[in-house]
Amino acid sequence: MTTLAVTGHIDLTEDSIPLIRGALADLLTRYTTDGRLIGVSCLAQGADSLFAEAVLAAGGRLIAVIPSQDYRRHKVGPDQAPLFDHFVESAEEVLVLPHETANRQAYEAANTVLLRRADRLVAVWNGQPPTGKGGGTADTVLEARATGIPVDVVWPEGAARRG
């Protein structure tokens, strides 16, 4: 059994989504040979949702880590809500962290939970260094590497972030 957690960018361009979707599907085939894949995700827009989709499509089990009590209400947009709800309903386990508000502390705590659960980290990441705000994709990659968790970086040629 392999437990993969995900971290990644939320602001992917529309053209990047099919590229990343395909790269994630390819990557997960390495870990589904025994039919016991577990994926851990915060279900955010972008990389987290694409990963959750790929885990379920591969027949894996999904664990959702929700950073705060108000996360769905304040951070999940109306266009993303149906997909978010689908993932929550499909998850084998849903962990809602005790933080009242979705903020940097809540995201850092969620990332800590992801890494505690993971055998490996999947990072949908452009390789850029941390911004200094904390709780971001690069921060999570660095923390995983510092604790000896292997990291699979997914950033296919042509992938890009908005803005």
C-alpha atoms as a PDB file:
ATOM      1  CA  MET A   1       0.000   0.000   0.000  1.00  0.00           C
ATOM      2  CA  THR A   2       1.278   3.429  -0.931  1.00  0.00           C
ATOM      3  CA  THR A   3       0.007   6.679   0.560  1.00  0.00           C
ATOM      4  CA  LEU A   4       0.623   9.711  -1.607  1.00  0.00           C
ATOM      5  CA  ALA A   5      -0.109  13.234  -0.444  1.00  0.00           C
ATOM      6  CA  VAL A   6      -0.334  16.189  -2.802  1.00  0.00           C
ATOM      7  CA  THR A   7       0.760  19.778  -2.761  1.00  0.00           C
ATOM      8  CA  GLY A   8       0.539  22.102  -5.711  1.00  0.00           C
ATOM      9  CA  HIS A   9      -0.430  25.312  -7.372  1.00  0.00           C
ATOM     10  CA  ILE A  10      -4.068  26.414  -7.414  1.00  0.00           C
ATOM     11  CA  ASP A  11      -3.656  28.968 -10.193  1.00  0.00           C
ATOM     12  CA  LEU A  12      -3.044  26.686 -13.187  1.00  0.00           C
ATOM     13  CA  THR A  13      -3.821  27.951 -16.668  1.00  0.00           C
ATOM     14  CA  GLU A  14      -6.646  26.248 -18.555  1.00  0.00           C
ATOM     15  CA  ASP A  15      -4.126  24.853 -21.064  1.00  0.00           C
ATOM     16  CA  SER A  16      -2.129  23.299 -18.206  1.00  0.00           C
ATOM     17  CA  ILE A  17      -4.999  21.276 -16.774  1.00  0.00           C
ATOM     18  CA  PRO A  18      -5.037  18.480 -19.387  1.00  0.00           C
ATOM     19  CA  LEU A  19      -1.226  18.290 -19.306  1.00  0.00           C
ATOM     20  CA  ILE A  20      -1.150  17.916 -15.530  1.00  0.00           C
ATOM     21  CA  ARG A  21      -4.147  15.558 -15.533  1.00  0.00           C
ATOM     22  CA  GLY A  22      -2.276  13.247 -17.918  1.00  0.00           C
ATOM     23  CA  ALA A  23       0.999  13.471 -15.989  1.00  0.00           C
ATOM     24  CA  LEU A  24      -0.777  12.625 -12.727  1.00  0.00           C
ATOM     25  CA  ALA A  25      -2.541   9.632 -14.303  1.00  0.00           C
ATOM     26  CA  ASP A  26       0.817   8.375 -15.606  1.00  0.00           C
ATOM     27  CA  LEU A  27       2.496   8.870 -12.237  1.00  0.00           C
ATOM     28  CA  LEU A  28      -0.230   7.092 -10.277  1.00  0.00           C
ATOM     29  CA  THR A  29       0.060   3.977 -12.434  1.00  0.00           C
ATOM     30  CA  ARG A  30       3.399   3.358 -10.681  1.00  0.00           C
ATOM     31  CA  TYR A  31       1.612   3.139  -7.347  1.00  0.00           C
ATOM     32  CA  THR A  32      -1.570   1.262  -8.253  1.00  0.00           C
ATOM     33  CA  THR A  33      -0.023  -2.104  -9.072  1.00  0.00           C
ATOM     34  CA  ASP A  34      -1.167  -3.661  -5.799  1.00  0.00           C
ATOM     35  CA  GLY A  35      -4.569  -1.941  -5.948  1.00  0.00           C
ATOM     36  CA  ARG A  36      -4.008  -0.265  -2.603  1.00  0.00           C
ATOM     37  CA  LEU A  37      -3.336   3.375  -3.409  1.00  0.00           C
ATOM     38  CA  ILE A  38      -4.335   6.046  -0.899  1.00  0.00           C
ATOM     39  CA  GLY A  39      -4.305   9.719  -1.866  1.00  0.00           C
ATOM     40  CA  VAL A  40      -4.348  12.524   0.693  1.00  0.00           C
ATOM     41  CA  SER A  41      -5.485  15.947  -0.487  1.00  0.00           C
ATOM     42  CA  CYS A  42      -6.831  19.242   0.838  1.00  0.00           C
ATOM     43  CA  LEU A  43      -9.118  19.353  -2.225  1.00  0.00           C
ATOM     44  CA  ALA A  44      -8.225  22.924  -3.174  1.00  0.00           C
ATOM     45  CA  GLN A  45      -8.811  24.134  -6.686  1.00  0.00           C
ATOM     46  CA  GLY A  46      -6.080  23.242  -9.166  1.00  0.00           C
ATOM     47  CA  ALA A  47      -3.478  20.610  -8.290  1.00  0.00           C
ATOM     48  CA  ASP A  48      -5.268  19.190  -5.232  1.00  0.00           C
ATOM     49  CA  SER A  49      -8.490  18.587  -7.159  1.00  0.00           C
ATOM     50  CA  LEU A  50      -6.707  17.145 -10.189  1.00  0.00           C
ATOM     51  CA  PHE A  51      -4.855  14.755  -7.886  1.00  0.00           C
ATOM     52  CA  ALA A  52      -8.060  13.706  -6.067  1.00  0.00           C
ATOM     53  CA  GLU A  53      -9.685  13.074  -9.444  1.00  0.00           C
ATOM     54  CA  ALA A  54      -6.712  10.946 -10.561  1.00  0.00           C
ATOM     55  CA  VAL A  55      -6.685   8.920  -7.327  1.00  0.00           C
ATOM     56  CA  LEU A  56     -10.369   8.067  -7.660  1.00  0.00           C
ATOM     57  CA  ALA A  57     -10.005   7.300 -11.385  1.00  0.00           C
ATOM     58  CA  ALA A  58      -7.159   4.897 -10.553  1.00  0.00           C
ATOM     59  CA  GLY A  59      -9.385   3.066  -8.063  1.00  0.00           C
ATOM     60  CA  GLY A  60      -7.567   4.506  -5.069  1.00  0.00           C
ATOM     61  CA  ARG A  61      -8.964   5.621  -1.749  1.00  0.00           C
ATOM     62  CA  LEU A  62      -9.142   9.328  -0.985  1.00  0.00           C
ATOM     63  CA  ILE A  63      -8.495  11.044   2.339  1.00  0.00           C
ATOM     64  CA  ALA A  64      -9.570  14.690   2.534  1.00  0.00           C
ATOM     65  CA  VAL A  65      -7.820  17.116   4.876  1.00  0.00           C
ATOM     66  CA  ILE A  66      -9.884  20.288   5.248  1.00  0.00           C
ATOM     67  CA  PRO A  67      -7.724  23.102   6.703  1.00  0.00           C
ATOM     68  CA  SER A  68     -10.435  24.907   8.679  1.00  0.00           C
ATOM     69  CA  GLN A  69     -14.029  24.931   9.844  1.00  0.00           C
ATOM     70  CA  ASP A  70     -14.940  27.700   7.374  1.00  0.00           C
ATOM     71  CA  TYR A  71     -12.928  26.396   4.421  1.00  0.00           C
ATOM     72  CA  ARG A  72     -15.829  25.362   2.190  1.00  0.00           C
ATOM     73  CA  ARG A  73     -17.887  28.446   2.973  1.00  0.00           C
ATOM     74  CA  HIS A  74     -15.104  30.985   2.403  1.00  0.00           C
ATOM     75  CA  LYS A  75     -12.519  29.362   0.122  1.00  0.00           C
ATOM     76  CA  VAL A  76     -14.467  27.127  -2.244  1.00  0.00           C
ATOM     77  CA  GLY A  77     -15.990  29.205  -5.024  1.00  0.00           C
ATOM     78  CA  PRO A  78     -19.499  28.520  -6.336  1.00  0.00           C
ATOM     79  CA  ASP A  79     -18.083  27.049  -9.548  1.00  0.00           C
ATOM     80  CA  GLN A  80     -15.833  24.672  -7.558  1.00  0.00           C
ATOM     81  CA  ALA A  81     -18.369  23.660  -4.888  1.00  0.00           C
ATOM     82  CA  PRO A  82     -19.959  20.715  -6.750  1.00  0.00           C
ATOM     83  CA  LEU A  83     -16.553  19.123  -7.401  1.00  0.00           C
ATOM     84  CA  PHE A  84     -15.386  19.797  -3.835  1.00  0.00           C
ATOM     85  CA  ASP A  85     -18.571  18.234  -2.467  1.00  0.00           C
ATOM     86  CA  HIS A  86     -18.141  15.217  -4.751  1.00  0.00           C
ATOM     87  CA  PHE A  87     -14.636  14.641  -3.413  1.00  0.00           C
ATOM     88  CA  VAL A  88     -15.776  14.993   0.202  1.00  0.00           C
ATOM     89  CA  GLU A  89     -18.568  12.495  -0.420  1.00  0.00           C
ATOM     90  CA  SER A  90     -16.146  10.111  -2.194  1.00  0.00           C
ATOM     91  CA  ALA A  91     -13.489  10.322   0.495  1.00  0.00           C
ATOM     92  CA  GLU A  92     -12.963   7.346   2.747  1.00  0.00           C
ATOM     93  CA  GLU A  93     -11.996   9.728   5.526  1.00  0.00           C
ATOM     94  CA  VAL A  94     -12.522  13.471   5.985  1.00  0.00           C
ATOM     95  CA  LEU A  95     -10.389  15.312   8.539  1.00  0.00           C
ATOM     96  CA  VAL A  96     -11.594  18.838   9.293  1.00  0.00           C
ATOM     97  CA  LEU A  97      -8.904  20.628  11.257  1.00  0.00           C
ATOM     98  CA  PRO A  98      -9.944  22.651  14.316  1.00  0.00           C
ATOM     99  CA  HIS A  99      -8.908  26.044  12.924  1.00  0.00           C
ATOM    100  CA  GLU A 100     -11.934  28.313  12.694  1.00  0.00           C
ATOM    101  CA  THR A 101     -10.576  30.361   9.783  1.00  0.00           C
ATOM    102  CA  ALA A 102      -8.782  29.376   6.589  1.00  0.00           C
ATOM    103  CA  ASN A 103      -5.519  31.247   6.996  1.00  0.00           C
ATOM    104  CA  ARG A 104      -1.791  30.608   6.753  1.00  0.00           C
ATOM    105  CA  GLN A 105      -1.723  28.751  10.093  1.00  0.00           C
ATOM    106  CA  ALA A 106      -4.535  26.459   8.953  1.00  0.00           C
ATOM    107  CA  TYR A 107      -2.739  25.717   5.662  1.00  0.00           C
ATOM    108  CA  GLU A 108       0.535  24.992   7.436  1.00  0.00           C
ATOM    109  CA  ALA A 109      -1.270  22.642   9.836  1.00  0.00           C
ATOM    110  CA  ALA A 110      -2.964  20.894   6.911  1.00  0.00           C
ATOM    111  CA  ASN A 111       0.389  20.450   5.171  1.00  0.00           C
ATOM    112  CA  THR A 112       1.799  18.927   8.356  1.00  0.00           C
ATOM    113  CA  VAL A 113      -1.064  16.413   8.412  1.00  0.00           C
ATOM    114  CA  LEU A 114      -0.461  15.598   4.735  1.00  0.00           C
ATOM    115  CA  LEU A 115       3.196  14.878   5.362  1.00  0.00           C
ATOM    116  CA  ARG A 116       2.518  12.793   8.478  1.00  0.00           C
ATOM    117  CA  ARG A 117       0.208  10.580   6.442  1.00  0.00           C
ATOM    118  CA  ALA A 118       2.414  10.303   3.347  1.00  0.00           C
ATOM    119  CA  ASP A 119       4.862   7.705   2.123  1.00  0.00           C
ATOM    120  CA  ARG A 120       5.583  10.071  -0.774  1.00  0.00           C
ATOM    121  CA  LEU A 121       4.625  13.619  -1.754  1.00  0.00           C
ATOM    122  CA  VAL A 122       3.360  14.504  -5.211  1.00  0.00           C
ATOM    123  CA  ALA A 123       4.181  18.143  -5.961  1.00  0.00           C
ATOM    124  CA  VAL A 124       2.474  19.858  -8.876  1.00  0.00           C
ATOM    125  CA  TRP A 125       5.105  22.535  -8.745  1.00  0.00           C
ATOM    126  CA  ASN A 126       6.970  24.806 -11.134  1.00  0.00           C
ATOM    127  CA  GLY A 127      10.143  24.595  -9.035  1.00  0.00           C
ATOM    128  CA  GLN A 128      10.087  28.190  -7.831  1.00  0.00           C
ATOM    129  CA  PRO A 129      11.389  28.877  -4.290  1.00  0.00           C
ATOM    130  CA  PRO A 130       9.107  29.732  -1.353  1.00  0.00           C
ATOM    131  CA  THR A 131       7.490  33.170  -1.305  1.00  0.00           C
ATOM    132  CA  GLY A 132       8.238  33.706   2.378  1.00  0.00           C
ATOM    133  CA  LYS A 133       4.553  33.683   3.356  1.00  0.00           C
ATOM    134  CA  GLY A 134       4.645  30.056   4.556  1.00  0.00           C
ATOM    135  CA  GLY A 135       2.294  27.181   3.835  1.00  0.00           C
ATOM    136  CA  GLY A 136       2.859  27.161   0.088  1.00  0.00           C
ATOM    137  CA  THR A 137       3.813  24.435  -2.354  1.00  0.00           C
ATOM    138  CA  ALA A 138       7.556  25.117  -2.213  1.00  0.00           C
ATOM    139  CA  ASP A 139       7.467  25.204   1.595  1.00  0.00           C
ATOM    140  CA  THR A 140       5.787  21.801   1.669  1.00  0.00           C
ATOM    141  CA  VAL A 141       8.284  20.319  -0.783  1.00  0.00           C
ATOM    142  CA  LEU A 142      11.194  21.589   1.289  1.00  0.00           C
ATOM    143  CA  GLU A 143       9.656  20.255   4.495  1.00  0.00           C
ATOM    144  CA  ALA A 144       9.078  16.843   2.909  1.00  0.00           C
ATOM    145  CA  ARG A 145      12.630  16.653   1.646  1.00  0.00           C
ATOM    146  CA  ALA A 146      14.010  17.762   5.021  1.00  0.00           C
ATOM    147  CA  THR A 147      12.152  14.923   6.743  1.00  0.00           C
ATOM    148  CA  GLY A 148      13.175  12.324   4.167  1.00  0.00           C
ATOM    149  CA  ILE A 149       9.838  11.974   2.380  1.00  0.00           C
ATOM    150  CA  PRO A 150      10.450  11.311  -1.338  1.00  0.00           C
ATOM    151  CA  VAL A 151       8.942  13.913  -3.673  1.00  0.00           C
ATOM    152  CA  ASP A 152       7.596  13.286  -7.169  1.00  0.00           C
ATOM    153  CA  VAL A 153       7.500  16.624  -8.997  1.00  0.00           C
ATOM    154  CA  VAL A 154       4.842  16.909 -11.692  1.00  0.00           C
ATOM    155  CA  TRP A 155       5.311  19.868 -14.012  1.00  0.00           C
ATOM    156  CA  PRO A 156       4.980  18.781 -17.635  1.00  0.00           C
ATOM    157  CA  GLU A 157       6.387  20.867 -20.449  1.00  0.00           C
ATOM    158  CA  GLY A 158       3.886  23.564 -21.329  1.00  0.00           C
ATOM    159  CA  ALA A 159       2.410  23.802 -17.818  1.00  0.00           C
ATOM    160  CA  ALA A 160       2.027  27.324 -16.483  1.00  0.00           C
ATOM    161  CA  ARG A 161       0.415  29.374 -13.768  1.00  0.00           C
ATOM    162  CA  ARG A 162      -2.015  32.249 -14.366  1.00  0.00           C
ATOM    163  CA  GLY A 163      -0.765  35.756 -13.992  1.00  0.00           C
END
